[in-house]
Every structure is written in C-alpha cells, then in structure tokens.
C-alpha cells in the first residue's frame, strides 16, 4: 500500500534540469574558440626561388617615373600631365619593347595614387616595373 505522500512524489516535474544544456553550450564554445584561429590563418605560400640572375638593365631601357606628395608626376625628371602619362608610356613601349620603369614614390604619398600610376603602366603594357625604396637605418 502506498501512502498519500508517496503519490505526490510521482507527479510530473515542473522544472527543467539545465545542467546538460550548459555542458553542451560550454563544449561548443570551447570548440569554436579552438577552431576560429585556425580558420583565420591564410594559405601558406612557398615563394619560388631562382638560382639564375636577372641580366642587368641598360640605362636606355630604364625609365624613371617620380611622384611626389602633391601628385606631381615626372617622367625622366620632366613634368608630365597625369592624363597624358599612359600615352607617353605607350610611345616609349613602342620604341623599346624591353623598357623597364622605376617608380620613385614619395613616402607620404597615398597608396591609391601609387596604384593609379601602376594602372597607367599596365595600360601601356609595361610589365617590368620596380619601386625604389631606401633601407631603414636603425
């Protein structure tokens, strides 16, 4: 025989035990904390190397394009209009197909202006491009 008090203990529970749900949430949190840094790393690249040396360019093949912080462009120390730069570079390319261009940008020049200059070189189909830099002294 059962007592009346024992029947009350057999009734349905009105509370939910959230301990297993918290355990699951913490496990998922730990998994995401471990895998997120792995997803952010970019691909690993192996830079190709060469044992051969590039032949030195003669001065007739190298053209210098300088651009200062005021966006004044000079081609071989002569002031050039930015809209006419592509046409002049294309003419130089037609005259000498092996032409190389050395860009001398100002340190305070916005990057977008340098990209615009490089786009002009690409429109003139000049593929041998270098950027002059100076080694930092410590």
N, C-alpha and C. Protein backbone atom coordinates (compact mmCIF):
# COMPACT_ATOMS: atom_id res chain seq x y z
N UNK A 1 0.81 -1.16 0.00
CA UNK A 1 0.00 0.00 0.00
C UNK A 1 0.87 1.24 0.00
N UNK A 2 0.36 2.16 -0.75
CA UNK A 2 1.08 3.41 -0.83
C UNK A 2 0.41 4.44 0.04
N UNK A 3 1.23 5.30 0.49
CA UNK A 3 0.69 6.40 1.25
C UNK A 3 0.38 7.55 0.33
N UNK A 4 -0.38 8.47 0.80
CA UNK A 4 -0.76 9.63 0.02
C UNK A 4 0.47 10.49 -0.30
N UNK A 5 1.41 10.60 0.61
CA UNK A 5 2.60 11.42 0.39
C UNK A 5 3.49 10.83 -0.71
N UNK A 6 3.48 9.52 -0.88
CA UNK A 6 4.28 8.92 -1.93
C UNK A 6 3.68 9.18 -3.30
N UNK A 7 2.40 9.31 -3.38
CA UNK A 7 1.76 9.59 -4.66
C UNK A 7 2.11 10.98 -5.16
N UNK A 8 2.29 11.94 -4.28
CA UNK A 8 2.66 13.29 -4.68
C UNK A 8 4.07 13.31 -5.29
N UNK A 9 4.96 12.48 -4.84
CA UNK A 9 6.32 12.46 -5.37
C UNK A 9 6.36 11.87 -6.77
N UNK A 10 5.35 11.13 -7.19
CA UNK A 10 5.32 10.53 -8.50
C UNK A 10 4.72 11.46 -9.55
N UNK A 11 4.30 12.61 -9.19
CA UNK A 11 3.72 13.53 -10.17
C UNK A 11 4.82 14.10 -11.07
N UNK A 12 4.44 14.69 -12.19
CA UNK A 12 5.41 15.20 -13.17
C UNK A 12 6.16 16.40 -12.61
N UNK A 13 7.42 16.53 -13.09
CA UNK A 13 8.26 17.63 -12.63
C UNK A 13 7.95 18.88 -13.44
N UNK A 14 7.87 19.99 -12.78
CA UNK A 14 7.60 21.24 -13.49
C UNK A 14 8.88 22.02 -13.75
N UNK A 15 10.03 21.55 -13.35
CA UNK A 15 11.31 22.22 -13.57
C UNK A 15 12.14 21.43 -14.57
N UNK A 16 12.92 22.16 -15.38
CA UNK A 16 13.80 21.52 -16.35
C UNK A 16 15.22 21.60 -15.82
N UNK A 17 15.93 20.53 -15.89
CA UNK A 17 17.33 20.49 -15.46
C UNK A 17 18.18 21.05 -16.61
N UNK A 18 18.80 22.21 -16.42
CA UNK A 18 19.56 22.85 -17.49
C UNK A 18 21.05 22.54 -17.43
N UNK A 19 21.47 21.74 -16.51
CA UNK A 19 22.90 21.40 -16.40
C UNK A 19 23.42 20.74 -17.67
N UNK A 20 22.74 19.76 -18.27
CA UNK A 20 23.26 19.19 -19.53
C UNK A 20 23.30 20.22 -20.66
N UNK A 21 22.35 21.15 -20.70
CA UNK A 21 22.36 22.18 -21.73
C UNK A 21 23.55 23.12 -21.56
N UNK A 22 23.89 23.45 -20.32
CA UNK A 22 25.06 24.30 -20.07
C UNK A 22 26.34 23.57 -20.43
N UNK A 23 26.41 22.28 -20.14
CA UNK A 23 27.58 21.50 -20.52
C UNK A 23 27.76 21.51 -22.04
N UNK A 24 26.69 21.33 -22.76
CA UNK A 24 26.75 21.35 -24.21
C UNK A 24 27.18 22.73 -24.73
N UNK A 25 26.64 23.80 -24.14
CA UNK A 25 27.00 25.15 -24.57
C UNK A 25 28.48 25.42 -24.32
N UNK A 26 29.02 25.01 -23.21
CA UNK A 26 30.44 25.22 -22.93
C UNK A 26 31.33 24.40 -23.86
N UNK A 27 30.94 23.19 -24.17
CA UNK A 27 31.72 22.37 -25.09
C UNK A 27 31.74 23.01 -26.48
N UNK A 28 30.59 23.49 -26.95
CA UNK A 28 30.55 24.17 -28.25
C UNK A 28 31.38 25.44 -28.23
N UNK A 29 31.33 26.18 -27.14
CA UNK A 29 32.12 27.40 -27.02
C UNK A 29 33.61 27.09 -27.11
N UNK A 30 34.05 26.05 -26.45
CA UNK A 30 35.46 25.66 -26.49
C UNK A 30 35.85 25.22 -27.89
N UNK A 31 34.99 24.47 -28.55
CA UNK A 31 35.29 24.03 -29.92
C UNK A 31 35.44 25.23 -30.84
N UNK A 32 34.53 26.20 -30.76
CA UNK A 32 34.62 27.38 -31.62
C UNK A 32 35.84 28.23 -31.28
N UNK A 33 36.21 28.30 -30.00
CA UNK A 33 37.39 29.07 -29.62
C UNK A 33 38.66 28.43 -30.17
N UNK A 34 38.68 27.13 -30.31
CA UNK A 34 39.86 26.45 -30.83
C UNK A 34 39.91 26.53 -32.36
N UNK A 35 38.79 26.36 -33.02
CA UNK A 35 38.79 26.29 -34.48
C UNK A 35 38.81 27.65 -35.16
N UNK A 36 38.35 28.72 -34.53
CA UNK A 36 38.31 30.04 -35.17
C UNK A 36 39.69 30.55 -35.55
N UNK A 37 40.70 30.51 -34.68
CA UNK A 37 42.03 30.97 -35.13
C UNK A 37 42.60 30.15 -36.28
N UNK A 38 42.24 28.90 -36.37
CA UNK A 38 42.72 28.08 -37.47
C UNK A 38 42.09 28.49 -38.79
N UNK A 39 40.85 28.96 -38.76
CA UNK A 39 40.18 29.40 -39.98
C UNK A 39 40.71 30.73 -40.46
N UNK A 40 41.18 31.59 -39.55
CA UNK A 40 41.63 32.92 -39.93
C UNK A 40 43.01 32.92 -40.57
N UNK A 41 43.80 31.90 -40.35
CA UNK A 41 45.13 31.89 -40.96
C UNK A 41 44.98 31.67 -42.45
N UNK A 42 45.69 32.48 -43.21
CA UNK A 42 45.59 32.37 -44.66
C UNK A 42 46.43 31.19 -45.15
N UNK A 43 46.41 31.03 -46.45
CA UNK A 43 47.13 29.89 -47.00
C UNK A 43 48.63 30.08 -46.85
N UNK A 44 49.32 28.99 -46.71
CA UNK A 44 50.77 29.06 -46.60
C UNK A 44 51.34 29.00 -48.01
N UNK A 45 52.21 29.94 -48.31
CA UNK A 45 52.81 30.01 -49.63
C UNK A 45 54.29 29.69 -49.55
N UNK A 46 54.74 28.99 -50.54
CA UNK A 46 56.17 28.75 -50.67
C UNK A 46 56.62 29.63 -51.83
N UNK A 47 57.42 30.63 -51.51
CA UNK A 47 57.87 31.59 -52.50
C UNK A 47 58.90 30.91 -53.40
N UNK A 48 58.72 31.00 -54.73
CA UNK A 48 59.70 30.36 -55.61
C UNK A 48 61.03 31.10 -55.58
N UNK A 49 62.07 30.36 -55.76
CA UNK A 49 63.40 30.96 -55.81
C UNK A 49 64.08 30.55 -57.10
N UNK A 50 65.08 31.31 -57.46
CA UNK A 50 65.78 31.05 -58.71
C UNK A 50 67.27 31.13 -58.46
N UNK A 51 68.01 30.25 -59.11
CA UNK A 51 69.46 30.31 -59.00
C UNK A 51 70.06 31.23 -60.04
N UNK A 52 69.30 31.48 -61.12
CA UNK A 52 69.79 32.37 -62.16
C UNK A 52 69.64 33.82 -61.76
N UNK A 53 70.49 34.66 -62.32
CA UNK A 53 70.43 36.08 -62.01
C UNK A 53 69.79 36.81 -63.18
N UNK A 54 69.07 37.88 -62.86
CA UNK A 54 68.49 38.70 -63.90
C UNK A 54 69.59 39.49 -64.60
N UNK A 55 69.53 39.58 -65.91
CA UNK A 55 70.55 40.37 -66.58
C UNK A 55 70.37 41.85 -66.23
N UNK A 56 71.46 42.58 -66.04
CA UNK A 56 71.32 43.98 -65.68
C UNK A 56 70.70 44.77 -66.83
N UNK A 57 69.85 45.70 -66.48
CA UNK A 57 69.19 46.53 -67.49
C UNK A 57 70.10 47.70 -67.83
N UNK A 58 70.15 48.02 -69.11
CA UNK A 58 70.94 49.17 -69.52
C UNK A 58 70.16 50.45 -69.24
N UNK A 59 70.86 51.56 -69.17
CA UNK A 59 70.19 52.83 -68.86
C UNK A 59 69.20 53.24 -69.92
N UNK A 60 69.38 52.78 -71.16
CA UNK A 60 68.42 53.14 -72.20
C UNK A 60 67.10 52.40 -72.01
N UNK A 61 67.13 51.28 -71.29
CA UNK A 61 65.92 50.51 -71.06
C UNK A 61 65.15 50.99 -69.83
N UNK A 62 65.79 51.71 -68.91
CA UNK A 62 65.15 52.10 -67.66
C UNK A 62 64.63 53.52 -67.76
N UNK A 63 63.35 53.67 -67.49
CA UNK A 63 62.70 54.97 -67.43
C UNK A 63 62.30 55.21 -65.98
N UNK A 64 62.42 56.43 -65.50
CA UNK A 64 62.10 56.75 -64.11
C UNK A 64 60.83 57.59 -64.06
N UNK A 65 59.88 57.15 -63.25
CA UNK A 65 58.66 57.90 -63.01
C UNK A 65 58.65 58.27 -61.54
N UNK A 66 58.67 59.56 -61.25
CA UNK A 66 58.65 60.05 -59.87
C UNK A 66 57.30 60.70 -59.60
N UNK A 67 56.79 60.49 -58.40
CA UNK A 67 55.53 61.12 -57.99
C UNK A 67 55.71 61.60 -56.56
N UNK A 68 55.42 62.89 -56.35
CA UNK A 68 55.61 63.46 -55.01
C UNK A 68 54.29 63.52 -54.27
N UNK A 69 54.33 64.03 -53.05
CA UNK A 69 53.12 64.04 -52.21
C UNK A 69 52.04 64.97 -52.75
N UNK A 70 52.40 65.90 -53.65
CA UNK A 70 51.42 66.79 -54.28
C UNK A 70 50.89 66.21 -55.58
N UNK A 71 51.22 64.95 -55.84
CA UNK A 71 50.78 64.20 -57.01
C UNK A 71 51.32 64.79 -58.32
N UNK A 72 52.47 65.42 -58.26
CA UNK A 72 53.15 65.90 -59.45
C UNK A 72 53.96 64.73 -60.01
N UNK A 73 53.71 64.36 -61.26
CA UNK A 73 54.36 63.21 -61.87
C UNK A 73 55.45 63.70 -62.81
N UNK A 74 56.62 63.10 -62.68
CA UNK A 74 57.74 63.42 -63.56
C UNK A 74 58.22 62.13 -64.23
N UNK A 75 58.35 62.21 -65.56
CA UNK A 75 58.88 61.10 -66.33
C UNK A 75 60.28 61.51 -66.77
N UNK A 76 61.29 60.84 -66.25
CA UNK A 76 62.70 61.18 -66.50
C UNK A 76 62.97 62.65 -66.18
N UNK A 77 62.51 63.08 -65.01
CA UNK A 77 62.69 64.44 -64.48
C UNK A 77 62.01 65.51 -65.31
N UNK A 78 61.04 65.16 -66.14
CA UNK A 78 60.26 66.15 -66.89
C UNK A 78 58.81 66.04 -66.43
N UNK A 79 58.21 67.19 -66.09
CA UNK A 79 56.84 67.22 -65.59
C UNK A 79 55.89 66.69 -66.65
N UNK A 80 54.98 65.81 -66.24
CA UNK A 80 54.05 65.15 -67.15
C UNK A 80 52.63 65.32 -66.62
N UNK A 81 51.69 65.54 -67.52
CA UNK A 81 50.28 65.60 -67.16
C UNK A 81 49.80 64.17 -66.87
N UNK A 82 49.11 63.94 -65.73
CA UNK A 82 48.68 62.56 -65.41
C UNK A 82 47.79 61.93 -66.48
N UNK A 83 46.99 62.74 -67.18
CA UNK A 83 46.11 62.16 -68.21
C UNK A 83 46.90 61.76 -69.45
N UNK A 84 48.05 62.37 -69.69
CA UNK A 84 48.86 62.05 -70.87
C UNK A 84 49.94 61.02 -70.56
N UNK A 85 50.04 60.60 -69.33
CA UNK A 85 51.10 59.68 -68.94
C UNK A 85 50.99 58.34 -69.65
N UNK A 86 49.80 57.78 -69.76
CA UNK A 86 49.62 56.48 -70.40
C UNK A 86 50.05 56.54 -71.87
N UNK A 87 49.71 57.62 -72.55
CA UNK A 87 50.08 57.75 -73.96
C UNK A 87 51.60 57.84 -74.11
N UNK A 88 52.26 58.59 -73.23
CA UNK A 88 53.71 58.70 -73.31
C UNK A 88 54.39 57.38 -72.99
N UNK A 89 53.86 56.66 -72.01
CA UNK A 89 54.43 55.35 -71.68
C UNK A 89 54.22 54.35 -72.81
N UNK A 90 53.07 54.41 -73.48
CA UNK A 90 52.81 53.52 -74.61
C UNK A 90 53.77 53.84 -75.76
N UNK A 91 54.08 55.12 -75.98
CA UNK A 91 55.04 55.50 -77.02
C UNK A 91 56.44 54.99 -76.69
N UNK A 92 56.82 55.07 -75.42
CA UNK A 92 58.12 54.55 -75.01
C UNK A 92 58.16 53.03 -75.19
N UNK A 93 57.05 52.36 -74.90
CA UNK A 93 56.97 50.90 -75.07
C UNK A 93 57.09 50.52 -76.54
N UNK A 94 56.45 51.31 -77.44
CA UNK A 94 56.55 51.02 -78.86
C UNK A 94 57.99 51.21 -79.36
N UNK A 95 58.66 52.23 -78.85
CA UNK A 95 60.03 52.49 -79.28
C UNK A 95 61.01 51.44 -78.75
N UNK A 96 60.77 50.97 -77.54
CA UNK A 96 61.67 49.99 -76.93
C UNK A 96 60.83 48.94 -76.20
N UNK A 97 60.60 47.77 -76.79
CA UNK A 97 59.74 46.75 -76.16
C UNK A 97 60.29 46.21 -74.84
N UNK A 98 61.60 46.31 -74.61
CA UNK A 98 62.19 45.79 -73.38
C UNK A 98 62.35 46.87 -72.31
N UNK A 99 61.53 47.89 -72.37
CA UNK A 99 61.66 49.01 -71.43
C UNK A 99 61.28 48.56 -70.02
N UNK A 100 61.99 49.11 -69.05
CA UNK A 100 61.69 48.87 -67.64
C UNK A 100 61.43 50.23 -66.99
N UNK A 101 60.53 50.27 -66.05
CA UNK A 101 60.17 51.52 -65.39
C UNK A 101 60.47 51.41 -63.90
N UNK A 102 61.12 52.42 -63.39
CA UNK A 102 61.41 52.51 -61.96
C UNK A 102 60.53 53.61 -61.38
N UNK A 103 59.67 53.25 -60.43
CA UNK A 103 58.78 54.23 -59.79
C UNK A 103 59.45 54.72 -58.52
N UNK A 104 59.51 56.03 -58.38
CA UNK A 104 60.07 56.64 -57.16
C UNK A 104 58.94 57.42 -56.47
N UNK A 105 58.19 56.77 -55.57
CA UNK A 105 57.10 57.47 -54.89
C UNK A 105 57.60 58.19 -53.65
N UNK A 106 56.87 59.25 -53.27
CA UNK A 106 57.15 59.93 -52.02
C UNK A 106 56.66 59.06 -50.87
N UNK A 107 57.30 59.18 -49.73
CA UNK A 107 56.93 58.35 -48.58
C UNK A 107 55.53 58.66 -48.08
N UNK A 108 55.10 59.91 -48.20
CA UNK A 108 53.78 60.31 -47.70
C UNK A 108 52.70 60.24 -48.77
N UNK A 109 52.99 59.65 -49.90
CA UNK A 109 52.02 59.53 -50.99
C UNK A 109 50.96 58.50 -50.61
N UNK A 110 49.67 58.82 -50.83
CA UNK A 110 48.63 57.81 -50.56
C UNK A 110 48.81 56.61 -51.49
N UNK A 111 48.50 55.45 -50.97
CA UNK A 111 48.69 54.21 -51.71
C UNK A 111 47.85 54.20 -52.98
N UNK A 112 46.66 54.79 -52.93
CA UNK A 112 45.78 54.77 -54.10
C UNK A 112 46.42 55.49 -55.28
N UNK A 113 47.20 56.54 -55.03
CA UNK A 113 47.86 57.27 -56.12
C UNK A 113 48.94 56.40 -56.76
N UNK A 114 49.63 55.61 -55.95
CA UNK A 114 50.63 54.68 -56.49
C UNK A 114 49.95 53.60 -57.33
N UNK A 115 48.80 53.12 -56.89
CA UNK A 115 48.06 52.11 -57.65
C UNK A 115 47.58 52.69 -58.97
N UNK A 116 47.15 53.95 -58.97
CA UNK A 116 46.72 54.60 -60.20
C UNK A 116 47.87 54.69 -61.19
N UNK A 117 49.05 55.01 -60.69
CA UNK A 117 50.24 55.06 -61.54
C UNK A 117 50.58 53.68 -62.09
N UNK A 118 50.45 52.66 -61.28
CA UNK A 118 50.73 51.31 -61.75
C UNK A 118 49.68 50.85 -62.76
N UNK A 119 48.44 51.31 -62.63
CA UNK A 119 47.42 51.02 -63.63
C UNK A 119 47.77 51.64 -64.97
N UNK A 120 48.33 52.86 -64.95
CA UNK A 120 48.76 53.50 -66.19
C UNK A 120 49.88 52.70 -66.86
N UNK A 121 50.78 52.14 -66.06
CA UNK A 121 51.84 51.29 -66.61
C UNK A 121 51.26 50.02 -67.21
N UNK A 122 50.25 49.49 -66.58
CA UNK A 122 49.62 48.27 -67.10
C UNK A 122 48.88 48.56 -68.40
N UNK A 123 48.22 49.71 -68.50
CA UNK A 123 47.54 50.08 -69.74
C UNK A 123 48.55 50.25 -70.88
N UNK A 124 49.75 50.70 -70.56
CA UNK A 124 50.80 50.85 -71.57
C UNK A 124 51.51 49.52 -71.84
N UNK A 125 51.09 48.45 -71.17
CA UNK A 125 51.62 47.09 -71.32
C UNK A 125 53.10 47.01 -70.95
N UNK A 126 53.50 47.78 -69.95
CA UNK A 126 54.86 47.71 -69.42
C UNK A 126 54.82 46.78 -68.22
N UNK A 127 55.54 45.67 -68.33
CA UNK A 127 55.49 44.66 -67.28
C UNK A 127 56.71 44.67 -66.38
N UNK A 128 57.78 45.29 -66.79
CA UNK A 128 58.99 45.35 -65.97
C UNK A 128 58.93 46.63 -65.15
N UNK A 129 58.48 46.49 -63.91
CA UNK A 129 58.25 47.64 -63.04
C UNK A 129 58.94 47.38 -61.72
N UNK A 130 59.62 48.41 -61.22
CA UNK A 130 60.24 48.34 -59.91
C UNK A 130 59.88 49.57 -59.11
N UNK A 131 59.93 49.46 -57.79
CA UNK A 131 59.66 50.59 -56.91
C UNK A 131 60.91 50.87 -56.11
N UNK A 132 61.40 52.09 -56.21
CA UNK A 132 62.62 52.47 -55.50
C UNK A 132 62.31 52.66 -54.01
N UNK A 133 63.11 52.06 -53.19
CA UNK A 133 62.97 52.18 -51.75
C UNK A 133 64.34 52.49 -51.14
N UNK A 134 64.32 52.87 -49.92
CA UNK A 134 65.56 53.15 -49.21
C UNK A 134 65.57 52.28 -47.96
N UNK A 135 66.73 51.73 -47.67
CA UNK A 135 66.84 50.88 -46.48
C UNK A 135 66.75 51.74 -45.23
N UNK A 136 66.02 51.24 -44.25
CA UNK A 136 65.89 51.96 -42.99
C UNK A 136 67.15 51.82 -42.17
N UNK A 137 67.54 52.90 -41.55
CA UNK A 137 68.67 52.85 -40.62
C UNK A 137 68.14 52.78 -39.20
N UNK A 138 68.73 51.94 -38.41
CA UNK A 138 68.23 51.76 -37.04
C UNK A 138 69.12 52.43 -36.06
